[in-house]
């Protein structure tokens, strides 16, 4: 059995066509255990179907309103999953 890398940063856009997201996740799942994203959506459920773990993050910058919205999204996602 070939060892997989622990994870990769993953993004192909906020609203990729379904077939492109599926192809990309299938490719990544061959060699990685997890993906890192900047939110739960739109990849979380799709990644789980491919056997990947998801590590969501948010980018913290100098706009406190955007930072708060990002943190709220992560908290809501954590409660959902």
PDB file of N, CA and C in Angstrom:
ATOM      1  N   UNK A   1       0.844  -1.190   0.000  1.00  0.00           N
ATOM      2  CA  UNK A   1       0.000   0.000   0.000  1.00  0.00           C
ATOM      3  C   UNK A   1       0.880   1.241   0.000  1.00  0.00           C
ATOM      4  N   UNK A   2       0.559   2.185  -0.835  1.00  0.00           N
ATOM      5  CA  UNK A   2       1.289   3.436  -0.916  1.00  0.00           C
ATOM      6  C   UNK A   2       0.781   4.402   0.145  1.00  0.00           C
ATOM      7  N   UNK A   3       1.712   5.037   0.841  1.00  0.00           N
ATOM      8  CA  UNK A   3       1.307   6.030   1.835  1.00  0.00           C
ATOM      9  C   UNK A   3       0.787   7.278   1.154  1.00  0.00           C
ATOM     10  N   UNK A   4      -0.198   7.888   1.779  1.00  0.00           N
ATOM     11  CA  UNK A   4      -0.749   9.138   1.268  1.00  0.00           C
ATOM     12  C   UNK A   4      -0.147  10.301   2.041  1.00  0.00           C
ATOM     13  N   UNK A   5      -0.101  11.470   1.400  1.00  0.00           N
ATOM     14  CA  UNK A   5       0.299  12.672   2.119  1.00  0.00           C
ATOM     15  C   UNK A   5      -0.854  13.079   3.022  1.00  0.00           C
ATOM     16  N   UNK A   6      -0.554  13.791   4.084  1.00  0.00           N
ATOM     17  CA  UNK A   6      -1.593  14.093   5.065  1.00  0.00           C
ATOM     18  C   UNK A   6      -2.657  15.044   4.532  1.00  0.00           C
ATOM     19  N   UNK A   7      -2.282  16.000   3.692  1.00  0.00           N
ATOM     20  CA  UNK A   7      -3.303  16.903   3.180  1.00  0.00           C
ATOM     21  C   UNK A   7      -2.750  17.904   2.194  1.00  0.00           C
ATOM     22  N   UNK A   8      -3.673  18.547   1.490  1.00  0.00           N
ATOM     23  CA  UNK A   8      -3.322  19.564   0.502  1.00  0.00           C
ATOM     24  C   UNK A   8      -4.295  20.733   0.615  1.00  0.00           C
ATOM     25  N   UNK A   9      -3.818  21.897   0.226  1.00  0.00           N
ATOM     26  CA  UNK A   9      -4.685  23.065   0.114  1.00  0.00           C
ATOM     27  C   UNK A   9      -5.504  22.881  -1.151  1.00  0.00           C
ATOM     28  N   UNK A  10      -6.819  23.068  -1.070  1.00  0.00           N
ATOM     29  CA  UNK A  10      -7.691  22.746  -2.194  1.00  0.00           C
ATOM     30  C   UNK A  10      -8.647  23.893  -2.479  1.00  0.00           C
ATOM     31  N   UNK A  11      -8.659  24.345  -3.706  1.00  0.00           N
ATOM     32  CA  UNK A  11      -9.650  25.313  -4.165  1.00  0.00           C
ATOM     33  C   UNK A  11      -9.658  25.332  -5.679  1.00  0.00           C
ATOM     34  N   UNK A  12     -10.834  25.205  -6.237  1.00  0.00           N
ATOM     35  CA  UNK A  12     -10.989  25.392  -7.678  1.00  0.00           C
ATOM     36  C   UNK A  12     -12.087  26.419  -7.944  1.00  0.00           C
ATOM     37  N   UNK A  13     -12.244  27.337  -6.984  1.00  0.00           N
ATOM     38  CA  UNK A  13     -13.234  28.399  -7.127  1.00  0.00           C
ATOM     39  C   UNK A  13     -14.403  28.198  -6.189  1.00  0.00           C
ATOM     40  N   UNK A  14     -15.158  29.244  -5.986  1.00  0.00           N
ATOM     41  CA  UNK A  14     -16.270  29.205  -5.029  1.00  0.00           C
ATOM     42  C   UNK A  14     -17.457  28.393  -5.543  1.00  0.00           C
ATOM     43  N   UNK A  15     -17.726  28.429  -6.833  1.00  0.00           N
ATOM     44  CA  UNK A  15     -18.865  27.697  -7.398  1.00  0.00           C
ATOM     45  C   UNK A  15     -18.448  26.942  -8.658  1.00  0.00           C
ATOM     46  N   UNK A  16     -17.597  25.946  -8.508  1.00  0.00           N
ATOM     47  CA  UNK A  16     -17.125  25.223  -9.692  1.00  0.00           C
ATOM     48  C   UNK A  16     -18.230  24.334 -10.260  1.00  0.00           C
ATOM     49  N   UNK A  17     -18.182  24.051 -11.551  1.00  0.00           N
ATOM     50  CA  UNK A  17     -19.121  23.071 -12.099  1.00  0.00           C
ATOM     51  C   UNK A  17     -18.948  21.745 -11.361  1.00  0.00           C
ATOM     52  N   UNK A  18     -20.035  21.071 -11.097  1.00  0.00           N
ATOM     53  CA  UNK A  18     -20.015  19.836 -10.313  1.00  0.00           C
ATOM     54  C   UNK A  18     -19.025  18.820 -10.859  1.00  0.00           C
ATOM     55  N   UNK A  19     -19.010  18.634 -12.167  1.00  0.00           N
ATOM     56  CA  UNK A  19     -18.130  17.610 -12.733  1.00  0.00           C
ATOM     57  C   UNK A  19     -16.649  17.940 -12.515  1.00  0.00           C
ATOM     58  N   UNK A  20     -16.291  19.228 -12.540  1.00  0.00           N
ATOM     59  CA  UNK A  20     -14.896  19.600 -12.297  1.00  0.00           C
ATOM     60  C   UNK A  20     -14.505  19.371 -10.834  1.00  0.00           C
ATOM     61  N   UNK A  21     -15.402  19.724  -9.920  1.00  0.00           N
ATOM     62  CA  UNK A  21     -15.127  19.504  -8.496  1.00  0.00           C
ATOM     63  C   UNK A  21     -14.973  18.016  -8.210  1.00  0.00           C
ATOM     64  N   UNK A  22     -15.853  17.209  -8.775  1.00  0.00           N
ATOM     65  CA  UNK A  22     -15.772  15.763  -8.561  1.00  0.00           C
ATOM     66  C   UNK A  22     -14.474  15.185  -9.113  1.00  0.00           C
ATOM     67  N   UNK A  23     -14.094  15.612 -10.298  1.00  0.00           N
ATOM     68  CA  UNK A  23     -12.846  15.124 -10.898  1.00  0.00           C
ATOM     69  C   UNK A  23     -11.640  15.524 -10.055  1.00  0.00           C
ATOM     70  N   UNK A  24     -11.618  16.769  -9.601  1.00  0.00           N
ATOM     71  CA  UNK A  24     -10.488  17.251  -8.804  1.00  0.00           C
ATOM     72  C   UNK A  24     -10.402  16.519  -7.470  1.00  0.00           C
ATOM     73  N   UNK A  25     -11.536  16.321  -6.807  1.00  0.00           N
ATOM     74  CA  UNK A  25     -11.535  15.619  -5.523  1.00  0.00           C
ATOM     75  C   UNK A  25     -11.142  14.156  -5.690  1.00  0.00           C
ATOM     76  N   UNK A  26     -11.602  13.539  -6.756  1.00  0.00           N
ATOM     77  CA  UNK A  26     -11.225  12.152  -7.024  1.00  0.00           C
ATOM     78  C   UNK A  26      -9.715  12.031  -7.219  1.00  0.00           C
ATOM     79  N   UNK A  27      -9.140  12.967  -7.942  1.00  0.00           N
ATOM     80  CA  UNK A  27      -7.700  12.970  -8.163  1.00  0.00           C
ATOM     81  C   UNK A  27      -6.941  13.158  -6.853  1.00  0.00           C
ATOM     82  N   UNK A  28      -7.351  14.136  -6.054  1.00  0.00           N
ATOM     83  CA  UNK A  28      -6.685  14.414  -4.781  1.00  0.00           C
ATOM     84  C   UNK A  28      -6.816  13.222  -3.832  1.00  0.00           C
ATOM     85  N   UNK A  29      -7.986  12.576  -3.808  1.00  0.00           N
ATOM     86  CA  UNK A  29      -8.230  11.461  -2.891  1.00  0.00           C
ATOM     87  C   UNK A  29      -7.293  10.278  -3.148  1.00  0.00           C
ATOM     88  N   UNK A  30      -6.743  10.193  -4.327  1.00  0.00           N
ATOM     89  CA  UNK A  30      -5.807   9.108  -4.634  1.00  0.00           C
ATOM     90  C   UNK A  30      -4.501   9.238  -3.843  1.00  0.00           C
ATOM     91  N   UNK A  31      -4.121  10.472  -3.514  1.00  0.00           N
ATOM     92  CA  UNK A  31      -2.809  10.709  -2.912  1.00  0.00           C
ATOM     93  C   UNK A  31      -2.829  11.453  -1.585  1.00  0.00           C
ATOM     94  N   UNK A  32      -3.985  11.920  -1.148  1.00  0.00           N
ATOM     95  CA  UNK A  32      -4.047  12.709   0.080  1.00  0.00           C
ATOM     96  C   UNK A  32      -5.146  12.194   1.003  1.00  0.00           C
ATOM     97  N   UNK A  33      -4.969  12.429   2.286  1.00  0.00           N
ATOM     98  CA  UNK A  33      -5.973  12.045   3.283  1.00  0.00           C
ATOM     99  C   UNK A  33      -6.960  13.164   3.568  1.00  0.00           C
ATOM    100  N   UNK A  34      -6.555  14.416   3.308  1.00  0.00           N
ATOM    101  CA  UNK A  34      -7.396  15.555   3.689  1.00  0.00           C
ATOM    102  C   UNK A  34      -7.183  16.717   2.731  1.00  0.00           C
ATOM    103  N   UNK A  35      -8.177  17.615   2.729  1.00  0.00           N
ATOM    104  CA  UNK A  35      -8.029  18.876   2.013  1.00  0.00           C
ATOM    105  C   UNK A  35      -8.198  20.014   3.006  1.00  0.00           C
ATOM    106  N   UNK A  36      -7.516  21.121   2.740  1.00  0.00           N
ATOM    107  CA  UNK A  36      -7.667  22.345   3.526  1.00  0.00           C
ATOM    108  C   UNK A  36      -8.394  23.340   2.643  1.00  0.00           C
ATOM    109  N   UNK A  37      -9.444  23.920   3.170  1.00  0.00           N
ATOM    110  CA  UNK A  37     -10.239  24.889   2.417  1.00  0.00           C
ATOM    111  C   UNK A  37     -10.432  26.149   3.254  1.00  0.00           C
ATOM    112  N   UNK A  38     -10.931  27.185   2.633  1.00  0.00           N
ATOM    113  CA  UNK A  38     -11.209  28.422   3.372  1.00  0.00           C
ATOM    114  C   UNK A  38     -12.658  28.527   3.798  1.00  0.00           C
ATOM    115  N   UNK A  39     -13.388  27.432   3.760  1.00  0.00           N
ATOM    116  CA  UNK A  39     -14.757  27.382   4.279  1.00  0.00           C
ATOM    117  C   UNK A  39     -15.224  25.940   4.233  1.00  0.00           C
ATOM    118  N   UNK A  40     -16.399  25.672   4.753  1.00  0.00           N
ATOM    119  CA  UNK A  40     -16.954  24.324   4.655  1.00  0.00           C
ATOM    120  C   UNK A  40     -17.494  24.064   3.253  1.00  0.00           C
ATOM    121  N   UNK A  41     -18.075  25.051   2.670  1.00  0.00           N
ATOM    122  CA  UNK A  41     -18.717  24.869   1.371  1.00  0.00           C
ATOM    123  C   UNK A  41     -17.861  25.481   0.290  1.00  0.00           C
ATOM    124  N   UNK A  42     -17.929  25.016  -0.920  1.00  0.00           N
ATOM    125  CA  UNK A  42     -18.859  24.023  -1.455  1.00  0.00           C
ATOM    126  C   UNK A  42     -18.297  22.613  -1.470  1.00  0.00           C
ATOM    127  N   UNK A  43     -17.142  22.375  -0.855  1.00  0.00           N
ATOM    128  CA  UNK A  43     -16.469  21.094  -1.045  1.00  0.00           C
ATOM    129  C   UNK A  43     -16.703  20.057   0.038  1.00  0.00           C
ATOM    130  N   UNK A  44     -17.168  20.428   1.196  1.00  0.00           N
ATOM    131  CA  UNK A  44     -17.159  19.534   2.345  1.00  0.00           C
ATOM    132  C   UNK A  44     -17.864  18.204   2.076  1.00  0.00           C
ATOM    133  N   UNK A  45     -19.126  18.238   1.702  1.00  0.00           N
ATOM    134  CA  UNK A  45     -19.868  16.995   1.486  1.00  0.00           C
ATOM    135  C   UNK A  45     -19.261  16.158   0.364  1.00  0.00           C
ATOM    136  N   UNK A  46     -18.843  16.815  -0.691  1.00  0.00           N
ATOM    137  CA  UNK A  46     -18.224  16.099  -1.814  1.00  0.00           C
ATOM    138  C   UNK A  46     -16.926  15.422  -1.381  1.00  0.00           C
ATOM    139  N   UNK A  47     -16.123  16.117  -0.601  1.00  0.00           N
ATOM    140  CA  UNK A  47     -14.854  15.552  -0.145  1.00  0.00           C
ATOM    141  C   UNK A  47     -15.091  14.318   0.724  1.00  0.00           C
ATOM    142  N   UNK A  48     -16.083  14.378   1.596  1.00  0.00           N
ATOM    143  CA  UNK A  48     -16.390  13.229   2.446  1.00  0.00           C
ATOM    144  C   UNK A  48     -16.764  12.011   1.616  1.00  0.00           C
ATOM    145  N   UNK A  49     -17.496  12.217   0.548  1.00  0.00           N
ATOM    146  CA  UNK A  49     -17.882  11.105  -0.329  1.00  0.00           C
ATOM    147  C   UNK A  49     -16.664  10.446  -0.977  1.00  0.00           C
ATOM    148  N   UNK A  50     -15.588  11.199  -1.096  1.00  0.00           N
ATOM    149  CA  UNK A  50     -14.358  10.660  -1.678  1.00  0.00           C
ATOM    150  C   UNK A  50     -13.396  10.144  -0.609  1.00  0.00           C
ATOM    151  N   UNK A  51     -13.864  10.095   0.638  1.00  0.00           N
ATOM    152  CA  UNK A  51     -13.044   9.571   1.717  1.00  0.00           C
ATOM    153  C   UNK A  51     -12.014  10.548   2.259  1.00  0.00           C
ATOM    154  N   UNK A  52     -12.176  11.813   1.938  1.00  0.00           N
ATOM    155  CA  UNK A  52     -11.239  12.834   2.410  1.00  0.00           C
ATOM    156  C   UNK A  52     -11.731  13.486   3.697  1.00  0.00           C
ATOM    157  N   UNK A  53     -10.812  13.853   4.556  1.00  0.00           N
ATOM    158  CA  UNK A  53     -11.117  14.706   5.701  1.00  0.00           C
ATOM    159  C   UNK A  53     -11.051  16.143   5.197  1.00  0.00           C
ATOM    160  N   UNK A  54     -11.740  17.044   5.908  1.00  0.00           N
ATOM    161  CA  UNK A  54     -11.744  18.450   5.513  1.00  0.00           C
ATOM    162  C   UNK A  54     -11.280  19.298   6.696  1.00  0.00           C
ATOM    163  N   UNK A  55     -10.321  20.167   6.437  1.00  0.00           N
ATOM    164  CA  UNK A  55      -9.824  21.097   7.450  1.00  0.00           C
ATOM    165  C   UNK A  55     -10.174  22.504   6.977  1.00  0.00           C
ATOM    166  N   UNK A  56     -11.302  23.037   7.461  1.00  0.00           N
ATOM    167  CA  UNK A  56     -11.704  24.379   7.030  1.00  0.00           C
ATOM    168  C   UNK A  56     -10.947  25.455   7.806  1.00  0.00           C
ATOM    169  N   UNK A  57     -10.663  26.541   7.141  1.00  0.00           N
ATOM    170  CA  UNK A  57      -9.986  27.686   7.756  1.00  0.00           C
ATOM    171  C   UNK A  57     -10.651  28.954   7.283  1.00  0.00           C
ATOM    172  N   UNK A  58     -10.266  30.053   7.874  1.00  0.00           N
ATOM    173  CA  UNK A  58     -10.664  31.340   7.321  1.00  0.00           C
ATOM    174  C   UNK A  58      -9.459  32.274   7.320  1.00  0.00           C
ATOM    175  N   UNK A  59      -9.460  33.143   6.380  1.00  0.00           N
ATOM    176  CA  UNK A  59      -8.386  34.110   6.225  1.00  0.00           C
ATOM    177  C   UNK A  59      -8.695  35.298   7.126  1.00  0.00           C
ATOM    178  N   UNK A  60      -7.800  35.600   8.036  1.00  0.00           N
ATOM    179  CA  UNK A  60      -7.987  36.742   8.927  1.00  0.00           C
ATOM    180  C   UNK A  60      -7.146  37.896   8.402  1.00  0.00           C
ATOM    181  N   UNK A  61      -7.828  38.967   8.099  1.00  0.00           N
ATOM    182  CA  UNK A  61      -7.156  40.150   7.582  1.00  0.00           C
ATOM    183  C   UNK A  61      -7.427  41.354   8.466  1.00  0.00           C
ATOM    184  N   UNK A  62      -7.412  42.544   7.890  1.00  0.00           N
ATOM    185  CA  UNK A  62      -7.614  43.753   8.697  1.00  0.00           C
ATOM    186  C   UNK A  62      -9.029  44.304   8.607  1.00  0.00           C
ATOM    187  N   UNK A  63      -9.955  43.584   7.953  1.00  0.00           N
ATOM    188  CA  UNK A  63     -11.368  43.982   7.918  1.00  0.00           C
ATOM    189  C   UNK A  63     -12.113  43.127   8.942  1.00  0.00           C
ATOM    190  N   UNK A  64     -12.436  43.712  10.087  1.00  0.00           N
ATOM    191  CA  UNK A  64     -13.032  42.961  11.181  1.00  0.00           C
ATOM    192  C   UNK A  64     -14.407  42.388  10.831  1.00  0.00           C
ATOM    193  N   UNK A  65     -15.174  43.064   9.985  1.00  0.00           N
ATOM    194  CA  UNK A  65     -16.491  42.546   9.590  1.00  0.00           C
ATOM    195  C   UNK A  65     -16.340  41.263   8.768  1.00  0.00           C
ATOM    196  N   UNK A  66     -15.401  41.248   7.855  1.00  0.00           N
ATOM    197  CA  UNK A  66     -15.151  40.047   7.056  1.00  0.00           C
ATOM    198  C   UNK A  66     -14.608  38.936   7.953  1.00  0.00           C
ATOM    199  N   UNK A  67     -13.701  39.288   8.860  1.00  0.00           N
ATOM    200  CA  UNK A  67     -13.168  38.296   9.791  1.00  0.00           C
ATOM    201  C   UNK A  67     -14.291  37.652  10.603  1.00  0.00           C
ATOM    202  N   UNK A  68     -15.197  38.476  11.113  1.00  0.00           N
ATOM    203  CA  UNK A  68     -16.305  37.964  11.927  1.00  0.00           C
ATOM    204  C   UNK A  68     -17.199  37.046  11.104  1.00  0.00           C
ATOM    205  N   UNK A  69     -17.510  37.452   9.868  1.00  0.00           N
ATOM    206  CA  UNK A  69     -18.355  36.621   8.999  1.00  0.00           C
ATOM    207  C   UNK A  69     -17.694  35.272   8.730  1.00  0.00           C
ATOM    208  N   UNK A  70     -16.406  35.283   8.505  1.00  0.00           N
ATOM    209  CA  UNK A  70     -15.675  34.047   8.251  1.00  0.00           C
ATOM    210  C   UNK A  70     -15.688  33.149   9.489  1.00  0.00           C
ATOM    211  N   UNK A  71     -15.442  33.708  10.644  1.00  0.00           N
ATOM    212  CA  UNK A  71     -15.465  32.929  11.880  1.00  0.00           C
ATOM    213  C   UNK A  71     -16.855  32.358  12.142  1.00  0.00           C
ATOM    214  N   UNK A  72     -17.885  33.163  11.889  1.00  0.00           N
ATOM    215  CA  UNK A  72     -19.258  32.689  12.079  1.00  0.00           C
ATOM    216  C   UNK A  72     -19.564  31.518  11.151  1.00  0.00           C
ATOM    217  N   UNK A  73     -19.058  31.577   9.920  1.00  0.00           N
ATOM    218  CA  UNK A  73     -19.260  30.487   8.971  1.00  0.00           C
ATOM    219  C   UNK A  73     -18.583  29.210   9.471  1.00  0.00           C
ATOM    220  N   UNK A  74     -17.375  29.333  10.004  1.00  0.00           N
ATOM    221  CA  UNK A  74     -16.675  28.160  10.530  1.00  0.00           C
ATOM    222  C   UNK A  74     -17.406  27.564  11.736  1.00  0.00           C
ATOM    223  N   UNK A  75     -17.882  28.413  12.610  1.00  0.00           N
ATOM    224  CA  UNK A  75     -18.608  27.935  13.797  1.00  0.00           C
ATOM    225  C   UNK A  75     -19.888  27.226  13.377  1.00  0.00           C
ATOM    226  N   UNK A  76     -20.632  27.804  12.438  1.00  0.00           N
ATOM    227  CA  UNK A  76     -21.863  27.176  11.961  1.00  0.00           C
ATOM    228  C   UNK A  76     -21.569  25.823  11.299  1.00  0.00           C
ATOM    229  N   UNK A  77     -20.499  25.768  10.525  1.00  0.00           N
ATOM    230  CA  UNK A  77     -20.121  24.510   9.894  1.00  0.00           C
ATOM    231  C   UNK A  77     -19.725  23.459  10.905  1.00  0.00           C
ATOM    232  N   UNK A  78     -18.997  23.866  11.934  1.00  0.00           N
ATOM    233  CA  UNK A  78     -18.583  22.921  12.966  1.00  0.00           C
ATOM    234  C   UNK A  78     -19.795  22.349  13.691  1.00  0.00           C
ATOM    235  N   UNK A  79     -20.795  23.170  13.920  1.00  0.00           N
ATOM    236  CA  UNK A  79     -22.018  22.695  14.578  1.00  0.00           C
ATOM    237  C   UNK A  79     -22.796  21.745  13.669  1.00  0.00           C
ATOM    238  N   UNK A  80     -22.747  21.999  12.367  1.00  0.00           N
ATOM    239  CA  UNK A  80     -23.478  21.169  11.396  1.00  0.00           C
ATOM    240  C   UNK A  80     -22.822  19.807  11.253  1.00  0.00           C
ATOM    241  N   UNK A  81     -21.487  19.755  11.214  1.00  0.00           N
ATOM    242  CA  UNK A  81     -20.777  18.515  10.967  1.00  0.00           C
ATOM    243  C   UNK A  81     -20.220  17.938  12.239  1.00  0.00           C
TER     244      UNK A  81
END
